[in-house]
Each structure stands twice: as C-alpha cells, then as structure tokens.
C-alpha cells in the first residue's frame, strides 16, 4: 500500500486507488504541507484535494513525457469529437 505523499507535482501517474478498482490516470497539480491537489482524468476531469497520508493501493507507473504527449493528443481529440456530437 502506498500514499499520495510519494507522488511528485506535475507528473502523471497510472494508479489503482483501491483494491479491485480500475486504473486511474492522475496528475499532481499542487502540494501543500499536508495535502495535494490532483486532477483525475476519467470521462471528465475531476479535481480534488487529497491528504498526503491517504492510501493508494498501487502506483503502476509514472508516465514518460512522450507517453503524456501521446495520451494528451488522444484524450483531447476524442473529447472534441464527443462535444461535436452533443452540438448536433
């Protein structure tokens, strides 16, 4: 079992927050003395505060800059396609 305290600001991580849950891509945006402000990339972006001591079941990997660039391109291009559908 890990905690949010292990995560670095500005980095993207694939994590499994709880046992028997799916994977979540998250980015640490801000670190304070006791907490972290993170963004989770699901169907929509979720922003929330976590305590540094909050548990993470597993940290699968830290994404490389190249992986983040590829993911960003895919995520935002599919997001635009979804919104175009809504406009019709």
PDB file of N, CA and C in Angstrom:
ATOM      1  N   UNK A   1       0.848  -1.172   0.000  1.00  0.00           N
ATOM      2  CA  UNK A   1       0.000   0.000   0.000  1.00  0.00           C
ATOM      3  C   UNK A   1       0.898   1.240   0.000  1.00  0.00           C
ATOM      4  N   UNK A   2       0.517   2.199  -0.816  1.00  0.00           N
ATOM      5  CA  UNK A   2       1.270   3.442  -0.961  1.00  0.00           C
ATOM      6  C   UNK A   2       0.420   4.612  -0.457  1.00  0.00           C
ATOM      7  N   UNK A   3       0.980   5.817  -0.537  1.00  0.00           N
ATOM      8  CA  UNK A   3       0.209   7.007  -0.189  1.00  0.00           C
ATOM      9  C   UNK A   3       0.489   8.099  -1.224  1.00  0.00           C
ATOM     10  N   UNK A   4      -0.361   9.125  -1.220  1.00  0.00           N
ATOM     11  CA  UNK A   4      -0.193  10.234  -2.150  1.00  0.00           C
ATOM     12  C   UNK A   4       1.118  10.978  -1.934  1.00  0.00           C
ATOM     13  N   UNK A   5       1.686  10.886  -0.741  1.00  0.00           N
ATOM     14  CA  UNK A   5       2.936  11.580  -0.435  1.00  0.00           C
ATOM     15  C   UNK A   5       4.076  11.167  -1.367  1.00  0.00           C
ATOM     16  N   UNK A   6       3.979  10.011  -1.989  1.00  0.00           N
ATOM     17  CA  UNK A   6       5.027   9.534  -2.894  1.00  0.00           C
ATOM     18  C   UNK A   6       4.986  10.194  -4.266  1.00  0.00           C
ATOM     19  N   UNK A   7       3.884  10.858  -4.597  1.00  0.00           N
ATOM     20  CA  UNK A   7       3.705  11.427  -5.933  1.00  0.00           C
ATOM     21  C   UNK A   7       4.334  12.814  -6.031  1.00  0.00           C
ATOM     22  N   UNK A   8       4.891  13.107  -7.184  1.00  0.00           N
ATOM     23  CA  UNK A   8       5.586  14.369  -7.444  1.00  0.00           C
ATOM     24  C   UNK A   8       4.703  15.338  -8.220  1.00  0.00           C
ATOM     25  N   UNK A   9       4.814  16.638  -7.941  1.00  0.00           N
ATOM     26  CA  UNK A   9       3.990  17.621  -8.652  1.00  0.00           C
ATOM     27  C   UNK A   9       4.329  17.676 -10.142  1.00  0.00           C
ATOM     28  N   UNK A  10       3.275  17.872 -10.943  1.00  0.00           N
ATOM     29  CA  UNK A  10       3.446  17.997 -12.388  1.00  0.00           C
ATOM     30  C   UNK A  10       3.530  16.674 -13.122  1.00  0.00           C
ATOM     31  N   UNK A  11       3.630  15.592 -12.405  1.00  0.00           N
ATOM     32  CA  UNK A  11       3.785  14.279 -13.030  1.00  0.00           C
ATOM     33  C   UNK A  11       2.446  13.574 -13.197  1.00  0.00           C
ATOM     34  N   UNK A  12       2.380  12.719 -14.215  1.00  0.00           N
ATOM     35  CA  UNK A  12       1.198  11.905 -14.492  1.00  0.00           C
ATOM     36  C   UNK A  12       1.477  10.479 -14.034  1.00  0.00           C
ATOM     37  N   UNK A  13       0.519   9.904 -13.326  1.00  0.00           N
ATOM     38  CA  UNK A  13       0.657   8.549 -12.805  1.00  0.00           C
ATOM     39  C   UNK A  13      -0.559   7.713 -13.161  1.00  0.00           C
ATOM     40  N   UNK A  14      -0.334   6.438 -13.443  1.00  0.00           N
ATOM     41  CA  UNK A  14      -1.402   5.458 -13.512  1.00  0.00           C
ATOM     42  C   UNK A  14      -1.435   4.776 -12.152  1.00  0.00           C
ATOM     43  N   UNK A  15      -2.576   4.876 -11.482  1.00  0.00           N
ATOM     44  CA  UNK A  15      -2.702   4.317 -10.139  1.00  0.00           C
ATOM     45  C   UNK A  15      -3.968   3.481 -10.038  1.00  0.00           C
ATOM     46  N   UNK A  16      -3.972   2.614  -9.059  1.00  0.00           N
ATOM     47  CA  UNK A  16      -5.173   1.894  -8.651  1.00  0.00           C
ATOM     48  C   UNK A  16      -5.417   2.364  -7.221  1.00  0.00           C
ATOM     49  N   UNK A  17      -6.404   3.224  -7.048  1.00  0.00           N
ATOM     50  CA  UNK A  17      -6.608   3.844  -5.745  1.00  0.00           C
ATOM     51  C   UNK A  17      -7.080   2.851  -4.696  1.00  0.00           C
ATOM     52  N   UNK A  18      -7.950   1.921  -5.080  1.00  0.00           N
ATOM     53  CA  UNK A  18      -8.451   0.911  -4.147  1.00  0.00           C
ATOM     54  C   UNK A  18      -8.361  -0.456  -4.800  1.00  0.00           C
ATOM     55  N   UNK A  19      -8.176  -1.466  -3.981  1.00  0.00           N
ATOM     56  CA  UNK A  19      -8.119  -2.826  -4.481  1.00  0.00           C
ATOM     57  C   UNK A  19      -9.419  -3.155  -5.209  1.00  0.00           C
ATOM     58  N   UNK A  20      -9.326  -3.888  -6.291  1.00  0.00           N
ATOM     59  CA  UNK A  20     -10.470  -4.308  -7.104  1.00  0.00           C
ATOM     60  C   UNK A  20     -11.144  -3.154  -7.851  1.00  0.00           C
ATOM     61  N   UNK A  21     -10.467  -2.027  -7.999  1.00  0.00           N
ATOM     62  CA  UNK A  21     -10.969  -0.921  -8.809  1.00  0.00           C
ATOM     63  C   UNK A  21     -10.133  -0.836 -10.077  1.00  0.00           C
ATOM     64  N   UNK A  22     -10.663  -0.122 -11.062  1.00  0.00           N
ATOM     65  CA  UNK A  22      -9.932   0.088 -12.310  1.00  0.00           C
ATOM     66  C   UNK A  22      -8.786   1.069 -12.117  1.00  0.00           C
ATOM     67  N   UNK A  23      -8.054   1.287 -13.190  1.00  0.00           N
ATOM     68  CA  UNK A  23      -6.927   2.212 -13.164  1.00  0.00           C
ATOM     69  C   UNK A  23      -7.399   3.646 -13.365  1.00  0.00           C
ATOM     70  N   UNK A  24      -6.664   4.571 -12.797  1.00  0.00           N
ATOM     71  CA  UNK A  24      -6.951   5.989 -12.916  1.00  0.00           C
ATOM     72  C   UNK A  24      -5.674   6.707 -13.316  1.00  0.00           C
ATOM     73  N   UNK A  25      -5.806   7.611 -14.286  1.00  0.00           N
ATOM     74  CA  UNK A  25      -4.693   8.484 -14.629  1.00  0.00           C
ATOM     75  C   UNK A  25      -4.881   9.760 -13.840  1.00  0.00           C
ATOM     76  N   UNK A  26      -3.853  10.171 -13.123  1.00  0.00           N
ATOM     77  CA  UNK A  26      -3.952  11.420 -12.371  1.00  0.00           C
ATOM     78  C   UNK A  26      -2.678  12.224 -12.492  1.00  0.00           C
ATOM     79  N   UNK A  27      -2.830  13.519 -12.255  1.00  0.00           N
ATOM     80  CA  UNK A  27      -1.697  14.444 -12.262  1.00  0.00           C
ATOM     81  C   UNK A  27      -1.736  15.243 -10.976  1.00  0.00           C
ATOM     82  N   UNK A  28      -0.591  15.379 -10.341  1.00  0.00           N
ATOM     83  CA  UNK A  28      -0.466  16.200  -9.146  1.00  0.00           C
ATOM     84  C   UNK A  28      -0.256  17.639  -9.596  1.00  0.00           C
ATOM     85  N   UNK A  29      -1.144  18.526  -9.158  1.00  0.00           N
ATOM     86  CA  UNK A  29      -1.076  19.921  -9.572  1.00  0.00           C
ATOM     87  C   UNK A  29      -0.405  20.808  -8.525  1.00  0.00           C
ATOM     88  N   UNK A  30      -0.611  20.513  -7.240  1.00  0.00           N
ATOM     89  CA  UNK A  30      -0.125  21.382  -6.169  1.00  0.00           C
ATOM     90  C   UNK A  30       0.086  20.551  -4.915  1.00  0.00           C
ATOM     91  N   UNK A  31       1.157  20.859  -4.202  1.00  0.00           N
ATOM     92  CA  UNK A  31       1.429  20.197  -2.924  1.00  0.00           C
ATOM     93  C   UNK A  31       1.540  21.255  -1.844  1.00  0.00           C
ATOM     94  N   UNK A  32       0.828  21.027  -0.733  1.00  0.00           N
ATOM     95  CA  UNK A  32       0.941  21.889   0.443  1.00  0.00           C
ATOM     96  C   UNK A  32       1.630  21.082   1.543  1.00  0.00           C
ATOM     97  N   UNK A  33       1.680  21.623   2.739  1.00  0.00           N
ATOM     98  CA  UNK A  33       2.339  20.899   3.835  1.00  0.00           C
ATOM     99  C   UNK A  33       1.696  19.548   4.122  1.00  0.00           C
ATOM    100  N   UNK A  34       0.362  19.465   4.014  1.00  0.00           N
ATOM    101  CA  UNK A  34      -0.330  18.238   4.403  1.00  0.00           C
ATOM    102  C   UNK A  34      -1.195  17.621   3.312  1.00  0.00           C
ATOM    103  N   UNK A  35      -1.400  18.350   2.219  1.00  0.00           N
ATOM    104  CA  UNK A  35      -2.346  17.891   1.202  1.00  0.00           C
ATOM    105  C   UNK A  35      -1.790  18.021  -0.210  1.00  0.00           C
ATOM    106  N   UNK A  36      -2.561  17.475  -1.152  1.00  0.00           N
ATOM    107  CA  UNK A  36      -2.210  17.554  -2.564  1.00  0.00           C
ATOM    108  C   UNK A  36      -3.477  17.848  -3.355  1.00  0.00           C
ATOM    109  N   UNK A  37      -3.357  18.703  -4.351  1.00  0.00           N
ATOM    110  CA  UNK A  37      -4.454  18.986  -5.265  1.00  0.00           C
ATOM    111  C   UNK A  37      -4.167  18.197  -6.531  1.00  0.00           C
ATOM    112  N   UNK A  38      -5.092  17.318  -6.909  1.00  0.00           N
ATOM    113  CA  UNK A  38      -4.865  16.447  -8.058  1.00  0.00           C
ATOM    114  C   UNK A  38      -5.992  16.584  -9.075  1.00  0.00           C
ATOM    115  N   UNK A  39      -5.664  16.202 -10.307  1.00  0.00           N
ATOM    116  CA  UNK A  39      -6.668  16.058 -11.350  1.00  0.00           C
ATOM    117  C   UNK A  39      -6.689  14.598 -11.763  1.00  0.00           C
ATOM    118  N   UNK A  40      -7.908  14.046 -11.814  1.00  0.00           N
ATOM    119  CA  UNK A  40      -8.109  12.679 -12.295  1.00  0.00           C
ATOM    120  C   UNK A  40      -8.745  12.781 -13.669  1.00  0.00           C
ATOM    121  N   UNK A  41      -8.246  11.998 -14.605  1.00  0.00           N
ATOM    122  CA  UNK A  41      -8.750  12.016 -15.975  1.00  0.00           C
ATOM    123  C   UNK A  41      -9.610  10.780 -16.190  1.00  0.00           C
ATOM    124  N   UNK A  42     -10.911  10.982 -16.078  1.00  0.00           N
ATOM    125  CA  UNK A  42     -11.893   9.928 -16.297  1.00  0.00           C
ATOM    126  C   UNK A  42     -12.705  10.337 -17.524  1.00  0.00           C
ATOM    127  N   UNK A  43     -13.999  10.074 -17.545  1.00  0.00           N
ATOM    128  CA  UNK A  43     -14.837  10.562 -18.642  1.00  0.00           C
ATOM    129  C   UNK A  43     -14.778  12.085 -18.698  1.00  0.00           C
ATOM    130  N   UNK A  44     -14.617  12.687 -17.534  1.00  0.00           N
ATOM    131  CA  UNK A  44     -14.378  14.121 -17.432  1.00  0.00           C
ATOM    132  C   UNK A  44     -13.264  14.313 -16.405  1.00  0.00           C
ATOM    133  N   UNK A  45     -12.711  15.500 -16.357  1.00  0.00           N
ATOM    134  CA  UNK A  45     -11.620  15.775 -15.421  1.00  0.00           C
ATOM    135  C   UNK A  45     -12.213  16.079 -14.046  1.00  0.00           C
ATOM    136  N   UNK A  46     -11.734  15.365 -13.044  1.00  0.00           N
ATOM    137  CA  UNK A  46     -12.153  15.555 -11.660  1.00  0.00           C
ATOM    138  C   UNK A  46     -10.988  16.192 -10.912  1.00  0.00           C
ATOM    139  N   UNK A  47     -11.248  17.305 -10.248  1.00  0.00           N
ATOM    140  CA  UNK A  47     -10.220  17.972  -9.449  1.00  0.00           C
ATOM    141  C   UNK A  47     -10.587  17.815  -7.985  1.00  0.00           C
ATOM    142  N   UNK A  48      -9.614  17.422  -7.175  1.00  0.00           N
ATOM    143  CA  UNK A  48      -9.900  17.235  -5.757  1.00  0.00           C
ATOM    144  C   UNK A  48      -8.643  17.313  -4.908  1.00  0.00           C
ATOM    145  N   UNK A  49      -8.864  17.550  -3.634  1.00  0.00           N
ATOM    146  CA  UNK A  49      -7.783  17.561  -2.648  1.00  0.00           C
ATOM    147  C   UNK A  49      -7.676  16.184  -2.022  1.00  0.00           C
ATOM    148  N   UNK A  50      -6.453  15.754  -1.776  1.00  0.00           N
ATOM    149  CA  UNK A  50      -6.171  14.517  -1.060  1.00  0.00           C
ATOM    150  C   UNK A  50      -5.168  14.816   0.042  1.00  0.00           C
ATOM    151  N   UNK A  51      -5.293  14.121   1.141  1.00  0.00           N
ATOM    152  CA  UNK A  51      -4.256  14.204   2.172  1.00  0.00           C
ATOM    153  C   UNK A  51      -3.055  13.412   1.691  1.00  0.00           C
ATOM    154  N   UNK A  52      -1.893  13.863   2.047  1.00  0.00           N
ATOM    155  CA  UNK A  52      -0.685  13.118   1.672  1.00  0.00           C
ATOM    156  C   UNK A  52      -0.721  11.710   2.249  1.00  0.00           C
ATOM    157  N   UNK A  53      -1.371  11.542   3.377  1.00  0.00           N
ATOM    158  CA  UNK A  53      -1.439  10.241   4.037  1.00  0.00           C
ATOM    159  C   UNK A  53      -2.533   9.326   3.480  1.00  0.00           C
ATOM    160  N   UNK A  54      -3.402   9.834   2.593  1.00  0.00           N
ATOM    161  CA  UNK A  54      -4.451   8.991   2.004  1.00  0.00           C
ATOM    162  C   UNK A  54      -3.809   7.833   1.238  1.00  0.00           C
ATOM    163  N   UNK A  55      -4.362   6.637   1.390  1.00  0.00           N
ATOM    164  CA  UNK A  55      -3.751   5.454   0.761  1.00  0.00           C
ATOM    165  C   UNK A  55      -4.033   5.348  -0.743  1.00  0.00           C
ATOM    166  N   UNK A  56      -3.082   4.776  -1.431  1.00  0.00           N
ATOM    167  CA  UNK A  56      -3.221   4.350  -2.828  1.00  0.00           C
ATOM    168  C   UNK A  56      -2.857   2.874  -2.830  1.00  0.00           C
ATOM    169  N   UNK A  57      -3.722   2.050  -3.368  1.00  0.00           N
ATOM    170  CA  UNK A  57      -3.460   0.615  -3.372  1.00  0.00           C
ATOM    171  C   UNK A  57      -2.201   0.269  -4.169  1.00  0.00           C
ATOM    172  N   UNK A  58      -2.070   0.856  -5.377  1.00  0.00           N
ATOM    173  CA  UNK A  58      -0.899   0.558  -6.211  1.00  0.00           C
ATOM    174  C   UNK A  58      -0.596   1.739  -7.133  1.00  0.00           C
ATOM    175  N   UNK A  59       0.674   2.053  -7.273  1.00  0.00           N
ATOM    176  CA  UNK A  59       1.142   3.031  -8.254  1.00  0.00           C
ATOM    177  C   UNK A  59       1.768   2.204  -9.370  1.00  0.00           C
ATOM    178  N   UNK A  60       1.076   2.119 -10.501  1.00  0.00           N
ATOM    179  CA  UNK A  60       1.543   1.252 -11.570  1.00  0.00           C
ATOM    180  C   UNK A  60       2.713   1.830 -12.329  1.00  0.00           C
ATOM    181  N   UNK A  61       2.602   3.128 -12.678  1.00  0.00           N
ATOM    182  CA  UNK A  61       3.731   3.732 -13.385  1.00  0.00           C
ATOM    183  C   UNK A  61       3.628   5.247 -13.441  1.00  0.00           C
ATOM    184  N   UNK A  62       4.777   5.834 -13.584  1.00  0.00           N
ATOM    185  CA  UNK A  62       4.927   7.263 -13.857  1.00  0.00           C
ATOM    186  C   UNK A  62       5.051   7.371 -15.367  1.00  0.00           C
ATOM    187  N   UNK A  63       4.162   8.130 -16.000  1.00  0.00           N
ATOM    188  CA  UNK A  63       4.201   8.244 -17.453  1.00  0.00           C
ATOM    189  C   UNK A  63       5.370   9.116 -17.899  1.00  0.00           C
ATOM    190  N   UNK A  64       6.017   8.706 -18.966  1.00  0.00           N
ATOM    191  CA  UNK A  64       7.105   9.493 -19.550  1.00  0.00           C
ATOM    192  C   UNK A  64       6.512  10.696 -20.270  1.00  0.00           C
ATOM    193  N   UNK A  65       7.343  11.676 -20.566  1.00  0.00           N
ATOM    194  CA  UNK A  65       6.883  12.858 -21.304  1.00  0.00           C
ATOM    195  C   UNK A  65       6.293  12.465 -22.653  1.00  0.00           C
ATOM    196  N   UNK A  66       6.909  11.480 -23.302  1.00  0.00           N
ATOM    197  CA  UNK A  66       6.415  11.017 -24.606  1.00  0.00           C
ATOM    198  C   UNK A  66       5.032  10.379 -24.456  1.00  0.00           C
ATOM    199  N   UNK A  67       4.847   9.542 -23.427  1.00  0.00           N
ATOM    200  CA  UNK A  67       3.542   8.925 -23.176  1.00  0.00           C
ATOM    201  C   UNK A  67       2.479   9.976 -22.894  1.00  0.00           C
ATOM    202  N   UNK A  68       2.831  10.985 -22.118  1.00  0.00           N
ATOM    203  CA  UNK A  68       1.883  12.054 -21.790  1.00  0.00           C
ATOM    204  C   UNK A  68       1.478  12.803 -23.053  1.00  0.00           C
ATOM    205  N   UNK A  69       2.441  13.080 -23.921  1.00  0.00           N
ATOM    206  CA  UNK A  69       2.151  13.797 -25.171  1.00  0.00           C
ATOM    207  C   UNK A  69       1.194  12.978 -26.037  1.00  0.00           C
ATOM    208  N   UNK A  70       1.444  11.684 -26.163  1.00  0.00           N
ATOM    209  CA  UNK A  70       0.579  10.810 -26.960  1.00  0.00           C
ATOM    210  C   UNK A  70      -0.810  10.707 -26.343  1.00  0.00           C
ATOM    211  N   UNK A  71      -0.865  10.528 -25.023  1.00  0.00           N
ATOM    212  CA  UNK A  71      -2.143  10.435 -24.333  1.00  0.00           C
ATOM    213  C   UNK A  71      -2.929  11.741 -24.467  1.00  0.00           C
ATOM    214  N   UNK A  72      -2.272  12.884 -24.283  1.00  0.00           N
ATOM    215  CA  UNK A  72      -2.932  14.183 -24.373  1.00  0.00           C
ATOM    216  C   UNK A  72      -3.569  14.358 -25.751  1.00  0.00           C
ATOM    217  N   UNK A  73      -2.839  13.990 -26.784  1.00  0.00           N
ATOM    218  CA  UNK A  73      -3.361  14.099 -28.141  1.00  0.00           C
ATOM    219  C   UNK A  73      -4.600  13.230 -28.319  1.00  0.00           C
ATOM    220  N   UNK A  74      -4.555  12.001 -27.840  1.00  0.00           N
ATOM    221  CA  UNK A  74      -5.696  11.092 -27.974  1.00  0.00           C
ATOM    222  C   UNK A  74      -6.869  11.531 -27.106  1.00  0.00           C
ATOM    223  N   UNK A  75      -6.612  11.936 -25.884  1.00  0.00           N
ATOM    224  CA  UNK A  75      -7.675  12.321 -24.939  1.00  0.00           C
ATOM    225  C   UNK A  75      -8.431  13.544 -25.427  1.00  0.00           C
ATOM    226  N   UNK A  76      -7.712  14.570 -25.814  1.00  0.00           N
ATOM    227  CA  UNK A  76      -8.374  15.798 -26.211  1.00  0.00           C
ATOM    228  C   UNK A  76      -8.993  15.714 -27.598  1.00  0.00           C
ATOM    229  N   UNK A  77      -8.452  14.886 -28.504  1.00  0.00           N
ATOM    230  CA  UNK A  77      -9.091  14.742 -29.819  1.00  0.00           C
ATOM    231  C   UNK A  77     -10.392  13.971 -29.680  1.00  0.00           C
ATOM    232  N   UNK A  78     -10.449  12.973 -28.822  1.00  0.00           N
ATOM    233  CA  UNK A  78     -11.700  12.239 -28.627  1.00  0.00           C
ATOM    234  C   UNK A  78     -12.695  13.078 -27.833  1.00  0.00           C
ATOM    235  N   UNK A  79     -12.219  13.944 -26.968  1.00  0.00           N
ATOM    236  CA  UNK A  79     -13.102  14.834 -26.215  1.00  0.00           C
ATOM    237  C   UNK A  79     -13.786  15.813 -27.161  1.00  0.00           C
ATOM    238  N   UNK A  80     -13.050  16.341 -28.133  1.00  0.00           N
ATOM    239  CA  UNK A  80     -13.629  17.257 -29.116  1.00  0.00           C
ATOM    240  C   UNK A  80     -14.686  16.543 -29.954  1.00  0.00           C
ATOM    241  N   UNK A  81     -14.422  15.316 -30.330  1.00  0.00           N
ATOM    242  CA  UNK A  81     -15.379  14.553 -31.131  1.00  0.00           C
ATOM    243  C   UNK A  81     -16.665  14.338 -30.342  1.00  0.00           C
ATOM    244  N   UNK A  82     -16.541  14.093 -29.071  1.00  0.00           N
ATOM    245  CA  UNK A  82     -17.711  13.870 -28.218  1.00  0.00           C
ATOM    246  C   UNK A  82     -18.545  15.146 -28.128  1.00  0.00           C
ATOM    247  N   UNK A  83     -17.894  16.289 -27.956  1.00  0.00           N
ATOM    248  CA  UNK A  83     -18.616  17.548 -27.853  1.00  0.00           C
ATOM    249  C   UNK A  83     -19.262  17.934 -29.176  1.00  0.00           C
ATOM    250  N   UNK A  84     -18.647  17.620 -30.294  1.00  0.00           N
ATOM    251  CA  UNK A  84     -19.247  17.918 -31.579  1.00  0.00           C
ATOM    252  C   UNK A  84     -20.547  17.151 -31.748  1.00  0.00           C
ATOM    253  N   UNK A  85     -20.588  15.902 -31.256  1.00  0.00           N
ATOM    254  CA  UNK A  85     -21.795  15.093 -31.296  1.00  0.00           C
ATOM    255  C   UNK A  85     -22.903  15.746 -30.490  1.00  0.00           C
ATOM    256  N   UNK A  86     -22.554  16.288 -29.331  1.00  0.00           N
ATOM    257  CA  UNK A  86     -23.535  16.925 -28.461  1.00  0.00           C
ATOM    258  C   UNK A  86     -24.157  18.144 -29.117  1.00  0.00           C
ATOM    259  N   UNK A  87     -23.404  18.852 -29.945  1.00  0.00           N
ATOM    260  CA  UNK A  87     -23.880  20.083 -30.555  1.00  0.00           C
ATOM    261  C   UNK A  87     -24.944  19.850 -31.610  1.00  0.00           C
ATOM    262  N   UNK A  88     -24.979  18.642 -32.163  1.00  0.00           N
ATOM    263  CA  UNK A  88     -25.917  18.362 -33.268  1.00  0.00           C
ATOM    264  C   UNK A  88     -27.332  18.202 -32.793  1.00  0.00           C
TER     265      UNK A  88
END
